[in-house]
PDB file of N, CA and C in Angstrom:
ATOM      1  N   UNK A   1      78.865 135.234 130.425  1.00  0.00           N
ATOM      2  CA  UNK A   1      78.424 136.479 129.832  1.00  0.00           C
ATOM      3  C   UNK A   1      79.659 137.348 129.671  1.00  0.00           C
ATOM      4  N   UNK A   2      79.924 137.784 128.456  1.00  0.00           N
ATOM      5  CA  UNK A   2      81.107 138.574 128.150  1.00  0.00           C
ATOM      6  C   UNK A   2      80.705 139.928 127.584  1.00  0.00           C
ATOM      7  N   UNK A   3      81.629 140.875 127.635  1.00  0.00           N
ATOM      8  CA  UNK A   3      81.336 142.223 127.153  1.00  0.00           C
ATOM      9  C   UNK A   3      81.909 142.506 125.768  1.00  0.00           C
ATOM     10  N   UNK A   4      82.864 141.675 125.330  1.00  0.00           N
ATOM     11  CA  UNK A   4      83.516 141.921 124.035  1.00  0.00           C
ATOM     12  C   UNK A   4      83.458 140.658 123.177  1.00  0.00           C
ATOM     13  N   UNK A   5      83.404 140.866 121.869  1.00  0.00           N
ATOM     14  CA  UNK A   5      83.370 139.733 120.954  1.00  0.00           C
ATOM     15  C   UNK A   5      84.726 139.061 120.815  1.00  0.00           C
ATOM     16  N   UNK A   6      85.788 139.697 121.294  1.00  0.00           N
ATOM     17  CA  UNK A   6      87.121 139.106 121.209  1.00  0.00           C
ATOM     18  C   UNK A   6      87.641 138.676 122.585  1.00  0.00           C
ATOM     19  N   UNK A   7      86.736 138.393 123.499  1.00  0.00           N
ATOM     20  CA  UNK A   7      87.128 137.963 124.852  1.00  0.00           C
ATOM     21  C   UNK A   7      87.851 136.617 124.783  1.00  0.00           C
ATOM     22  N   UNK A   8      88.971 136.472 125.502  1.00  0.00           N
ATOM     23  CA  UNK A   8      89.743 135.218 125.466  1.00  0.00           C
ATOM     24  C   UNK A   8      88.956 133.993 125.936  1.00  0.00           C
ATOM     25  N   UNK A   9      87.975 134.186 126.784  1.00  0.00           N
ATOM     26  CA  UNK A   9      87.202 133.058 127.296  1.00  0.00           C
ATOM     27  C   UNK A   9      86.408 132.368 126.188  1.00  0.00           C
ATOM     28  N   UNK A  10      86.105 133.066 125.132  1.00  0.00           N
ATOM     29  CA  UNK A  10      85.342 132.478 124.034  1.00  0.00           C
ATOM     30  C   UNK A  10      86.125 131.333 123.405  1.00  0.00           C
ATOM     31  N   UNK A  11      87.397 131.550 123.146  1.00  0.00           N
ATOM     32  CA  UNK A  11      88.228 130.488 122.581  1.00  0.00           C
ATOM     33  C   UNK A  11      88.436 129.350 123.569  1.00  0.00           C
ATOM     34  N   UNK A  12      88.478 129.671 124.842  1.00  0.00           N
ATOM     35  CA  UNK A  12      88.740 128.660 125.864  1.00  0.00           C
ATOM     36  C   UNK A  12      87.581 127.675 126.019  1.00  0.00           C
ATOM     37  N   UNK A  13      86.358 128.107 125.805  1.00  0.00           N
ATOM     38  CA  UNK A  13      85.207 127.240 126.064  1.00  0.00           C
ATOM     39  C   UNK A  13      84.423 126.852 124.820  1.00  0.00           C
ATOM     40  N   UNK A  14      84.868 127.231 123.654  1.00  0.00           N
ATOM     41  CA  UNK A  14      84.058 126.991 122.457  1.00  0.00           C
ATOM     42  C   UNK A  14      83.829 125.514 122.145  1.00  0.00           C
ATOM     43  N   UNK A  15      84.686 124.623 122.590  1.00  0.00           N
ATOM     44  CA  UNK A  15      84.503 123.200 122.323  1.00  0.00           C
ATOM     45  C   UNK A  15      83.976 122.416 123.513  1.00  0.00           C
ATOM     46  N   UNK A  16      83.558 123.096 124.555  1.00  0.00           N
ATOM     47  CA  UNK A  16      83.002 122.423 125.732  1.00  0.00           C
ATOM     48  C   UNK A  16      81.496 122.220 125.536  1.00  0.00           C
ATOM     49  N   UNK A  17      81.077 120.990 125.672  1.00  0.00           N
ATOM     50  CA  UNK A  17      79.658 120.688 125.516  1.00  0.00           C
ATOM     51  C   UNK A  17      78.851 121.307 126.647  1.00  0.00           C
ATOM     52  N   UNK A  18      77.723 121.903 126.299  1.00  0.00           N
ATOM     53  CA  UNK A  18      76.833 122.472 127.305  1.00  0.00           C
ATOM     54  C   UNK A  18      77.202 123.854 127.786  1.00  0.00           C
ATOM     55  N   UNK A  19      78.268 124.446 127.225  1.00  0.00           N
ATOM     56  CA  UNK A  19      78.696 125.779 127.634  1.00  0.00           C
ATOM     57  C   UNK A  19      78.338 126.763 126.520  1.00  0.00           C
ATOM     58  N   UNK A  20      77.639 127.809 126.883  1.00  0.00           N
ATOM     59  CA  UNK A  20      77.257 128.855 125.938  1.00  0.00           C
ATOM     60  C   UNK A  20      77.919 130.157 126.361  1.00  0.00           C
ATOM     61  N   UNK A  21      78.417 130.906 125.377  1.00  0.00           N
ATOM     62  CA  UNK A  21      78.960 132.231 125.632  1.00  0.00           C
ATOM     63  C   UNK A  21      78.012 133.230 124.992  1.00  0.00           C
ATOM     64  N   UNK A  22      77.582 134.213 125.788  1.00  0.00           N
ATOM     65  CA  UNK A  22      76.626 135.211 125.316  1.00  0.00           C
ATOM     66  C   UNK A  22      77.203 136.596 125.562  1.00  0.00           C
ATOM     67  N   UNK A  23      77.067 137.470 124.575  1.00  0.00           N
ATOM     68  CA  UNK A  23      77.476 138.863 124.739  1.00  0.00           C
ATOM     69  C   UNK A  23      76.428 139.574 125.579  1.00  0.00           C
ATOM     70  N   UNK A  24      76.866 140.442 126.449  1.00  0.00           N
ATOM     71  CA  UNK A  24      75.959 141.103 127.381  1.00  0.00           C
ATOM     72  C   UNK A  24      74.863 141.878 126.642  1.00  0.00           C
ATOM     73  N   UNK A  25      75.152 142.389 125.457  1.00  0.00           N
ATOM     74  CA  UNK A  25      74.136 143.114 124.684  1.00  0.00           C
ATOM     75  C   UNK A  25      73.032 142.191 124.175  1.00  0.00           C
ATOM     76  N   UNK A  26      73.324 140.910 124.012  1.00  0.00           N
ATOM     77  CA  UNK A  26      72.357 139.951 123.483  1.00  0.00           C
ATOM     78  C   UNK A  26      71.714 139.090 124.564  1.00  0.00           C
ATOM     79  N   UNK A  27      72.005 139.358 125.809  1.00  0.00           N
ATOM     80  CA  UNK A  27      71.518 138.547 126.914  1.00  0.00           C
ATOM     81  C   UNK A  27      70.013 138.694 127.081  1.00  0.00           C
ATOM     82  N   UNK A  28      69.341 137.568 127.280  1.00  0.00           N
ATOM     83  CA  UNK A  28      67.902 137.594 127.539  1.00  0.00           C
ATOM     84  C   UNK A  28      67.573 136.605 128.647  1.00  0.00           C
ATOM     85  N   UNK A  29      66.338 136.629 129.077  1.00  0.00           N
ATOM     86  CA  UNK A  29      65.902 135.727 130.135  1.00  0.00           C
ATOM     87  C   UNK A  29      65.976 134.274 129.670  1.00  0.00           C
ATOM     88  N   UNK A  30      65.883 134.037 128.386  1.00  0.00           N
ATOM     89  CA  UNK A  30      65.973 132.673 127.870  1.00  0.00           C
ATOM     90  C   UNK A  30      67.361 132.079 128.068  1.00  0.00           C
ATOM     91  N   UNK A  31      68.390 132.933 128.115  1.00  0.00           N
ATOM     92  CA  UNK A  31      69.742 132.446 128.392  1.00  0.00           C
ATOM     93  C   UNK A  31      69.928 132.122 129.872  1.00  0.00           C
ATOM     94  N   UNK A  32      69.291 132.894 130.720  1.00  0.00           N
ATOM     95  CA  UNK A  32      69.468 132.719 132.168  1.00  0.00           C
ATOM     96  C   UNK A  32      68.553 131.653 132.755  1.00  0.00           C
ATOM     97  N   UNK A  33      67.396 131.444 132.146  1.00  0.00           N
ATOM     98  CA  UNK A  33      66.436 130.458 132.654  1.00  0.00           C
ATOM     99  C   UNK A  33      65.841 129.680 131.481  1.00  0.00           C
ATOM    100  N   UNK A  34      66.613 128.774 130.877  1.00  0.00           N
ATOM    101  CA  UNK A  34      66.097 128.034 129.724  1.00  0.00           C
ATOM    102  C   UNK A  34      64.903 127.161 130.115  1.00  0.00           C
ATOM    103  N   UNK A  35      63.867 127.220 129.308  1.00  0.00           N
ATOM    104  CA  UNK A  35      62.669 126.437 129.610  1.00  0.00           C
ATOM    105  C   UNK A  35      61.866 126.984 130.770  1.00  0.00           C
ATOM    106  N   UNK A  36      62.166 128.191 131.213  1.00  0.00           N
ATOM    107  CA  UNK A  36      61.438 128.800 132.316  1.00  0.00           C
ATOM    108  C   UNK A  36      61.886 128.329 133.683  1.00  0.00           C
ATOM    109  N   UNK A  37      62.964 127.558 133.728  1.00  0.00           N
ATOM    110  CA  UNK A  37      63.460 127.037 135.004  1.00  0.00           C
ATOM    111  C   UNK A  37      64.694 127.835 135.413  1.00  0.00           C
ATOM    112  N   UNK A  38      64.592 128.690 136.449  1.00  0.00           N
ATOM    113  CA  UNK A  38      65.761 129.457 136.875  1.00  0.00           C
ATOM    114  C   UNK A  38      66.780 128.565 137.577  1.00  0.00           C
ATOM    115  N   UNK A  39      67.981 129.033 137.626  1.00  0.00           N
ATOM    116  CA  UNK A  39      69.001 128.293 138.352  1.00  0.00           C
ATOM    117  C   UNK A  39      70.166 127.842 137.499  1.00  0.00           C
ATOM    118  N   UNK A  40      70.305 128.355 136.313  1.00  0.00           N
ATOM    119  CA  UNK A  40      71.433 128.013 135.462  1.00  0.00           C
ATOM    120  C   UNK A  40      72.683 128.699 135.989  1.00  0.00           C
ATOM    121  N   UNK A  41      73.772 127.960 136.069  1.00  0.00           N
ATOM    122  CA  UNK A  41      75.033 128.535 136.514  1.00  0.00           C
ATOM    123  C   UNK A  41      75.502 129.543 135.472  1.00  0.00           C
ATOM    124  N   UNK A  42      75.757 130.762 135.894  1.00  0.00           N
ATOM    125  CA  UNK A  42      76.163 131.825 134.980  1.00  0.00           C
ATOM    126  C   UNK A  42      77.432 132.471 135.489  1.00  0.00           C
ATOM    127  N   UNK A  43      78.426 132.555 134.630  1.00  0.00           N
ATOM    128  CA  UNK A  43      79.676 133.231 134.943  1.00  0.00           C
ATOM    129  C   UNK A  43      79.710 134.547 134.175  1.00  0.00           C
ATOM    130  N   UNK A  44      80.063 135.602 134.872  1.00  0.00           N
ATOM    131  CA  UNK A  44      80.104 136.938 134.291  1.00  0.00           C
ATOM    132  C   UNK A  44      81.536 137.441 134.288  1.00  0.00           C
ATOM    133  N   UNK A  45      81.945 138.099 133.206  1.00  0.00           N
ATOM    134  CA  UNK A  45      83.236 138.771 133.218  1.00  0.00           C
ATOM    135  C   UNK A  45      83.047 140.128 133.890  1.00  0.00           C
ATOM    136  N   UNK A  46      84.140 140.678 134.398  1.00  0.00           N
ATOM    137  CA  UNK A  46      84.074 141.992 135.046  1.00  0.00           C
ATOM    138  C   UNK A  46      83.581 143.043 134.051  1.00  0.00           C
ATOM    139  N   UNK A  47      84.026 142.951 132.816  1.00  0.00           N
ATOM    140  CA  UNK A  47      83.610 143.902 131.789  1.00  0.00           C
ATOM    141  C   UNK A  47      82.117 143.851 131.517  1.00  0.00           C
ATOM    142  N   UNK A  48      81.524 142.659 131.562  1.00  0.00           N
ATOM    143  CA  UNK A  48      80.088 142.527 131.338  1.00  0.00           C
ATOM    144  C   UNK A  48      79.300 143.189 132.465  1.00  0.00           C
ATOM    145  N   UNK A  49      79.762 143.019 133.692  1.00  0.00           N
ATOM    146  CA  UNK A  49      79.088 143.651 134.835  1.00  0.00           C
ATOM    147  C   UNK A  49      79.193 145.170 134.739  1.00  0.00           C
ATOM    148  N   UNK A  50      80.363 145.662 134.371  1.00  0.00           N
ATOM    149  CA  UNK A  50      80.543 147.107 134.214  1.00  0.00           C
ATOM    150  C   UNK A  50      79.680 147.651 133.086  1.00  0.00           C
ATOM    151  N   UNK A  51      79.542 146.905 132.008  1.00  0.00           N
ATOM    152  CA  UNK A  51      78.722 147.353 130.883  1.00  0.00           C
ATOM    153  C   UNK A  51      77.249 147.400 131.272  1.00  0.00           C
ATOM    154  N   UNK A  52      76.803 146.428 132.069  1.00  0.00           N
ATOM    155  CA  UNK A  52      75.425 146.466 132.568  1.00  0.00           C
ATOM    156  C   UNK A  52      75.190 147.711 133.402  1.00  0.00           C
ATOM    157  N   UNK A  53      76.140 148.030 134.271  1.00  0.00           N
ATOM    158  CA  UNK A  53      75.997 149.179 135.160  1.00  0.00           C
ATOM    159  C   UNK A  53      76.063 150.500 134.393  1.00  0.00           C
ATOM    160  N   UNK A  54      77.019 150.623 133.494  1.00  0.00           N
ATOM    161  CA  UNK A  54      77.194 151.892 132.770  1.00  0.00           C
ATOM    162  C   UNK A  54      76.098 152.109 131.728  1.00  0.00           C
ATOM    163  N   UNK A  55      75.517 151.040 131.219  1.00  0.00           N
ATOM    164  CA  UNK A  55      74.472 151.154 130.219  1.00  0.00           C
ATOM    165  C   UNK A  55      73.094 151.330 130.803  1.00  0.00           C
ATOM    166  N   UNK A  56      73.015 151.426 132.139  1.00  0.00           N
ATOM    167  CA  UNK A  56      71.747 151.574 132.848  1.00  0.00           C
ATOM    168  C   UNK A  56      70.794 150.416 132.539  1.00  0.00           C
ATOM    169  N   UNK A  57      71.369 149.243 132.234  1.00  0.00           N
ATOM    170  CA  UNK A  57      70.572 148.064 131.971  1.00  0.00           C
ATOM    171  C   UNK A  57      70.156 147.384 133.269  1.00  0.00           C
ATOM    172  N   UNK A  58      70.988 147.576 134.298  1.00  0.00           N
ATOM    173  CA  UNK A  58      70.734 146.968 135.594  1.00  0.00           C
ATOM    174  C   UNK A  58      71.488 147.773 136.629  1.00  0.00           C
ATOM    175  N   UNK A  59      70.886 148.072 137.745  1.00  0.00           N
ATOM    176  CA  UNK A  59      71.536 148.850 138.790  1.00  0.00           C
ATOM    177  C   UNK A  59      72.312 147.926 139.715  1.00  0.00           C
ATOM    178  N   UNK A  60      73.621 147.927 139.605  1.00  0.00           N
ATOM    179  CA  UNK A  60      74.461 147.077 140.425  1.00  0.00           C
ATOM    180  C   UNK A  60      74.679 147.757 141.771  1.00  0.00           C
ATOM    181  N   UNK A  61      74.352 147.062 142.848  1.00  0.00           N
ATOM    182  CA  UNK A  61      74.589 147.573 144.190  1.00  0.00           C
ATOM    183  C   UNK A  61      73.547 148.535 144.697  1.00  0.00           C
ATOM    184  N   UNK A  62      72.443 148.652 144.045  1.00  0.00           N
ATOM    185  CA  UNK A  62      71.390 149.554 144.522  1.00  0.00           C
ATOM    186  C   UNK A  62      70.132 148.793 144.814  1.00  0.00           C
TER     187      UNK A  62
END
């Protein structure tokens, strides 16, 4: 999960099979639990976590 469309990680993983990059603004439960099965490994950038917190989308640490 990334916060910017020009994040360097996008270029690093674009050719890896089974790896999806999602912008934090477009994140949904379908990305986190495909098929209704929770437990997908998710990597977050620091910027994505900060954007969640500052956008009042999720309360981090509360």
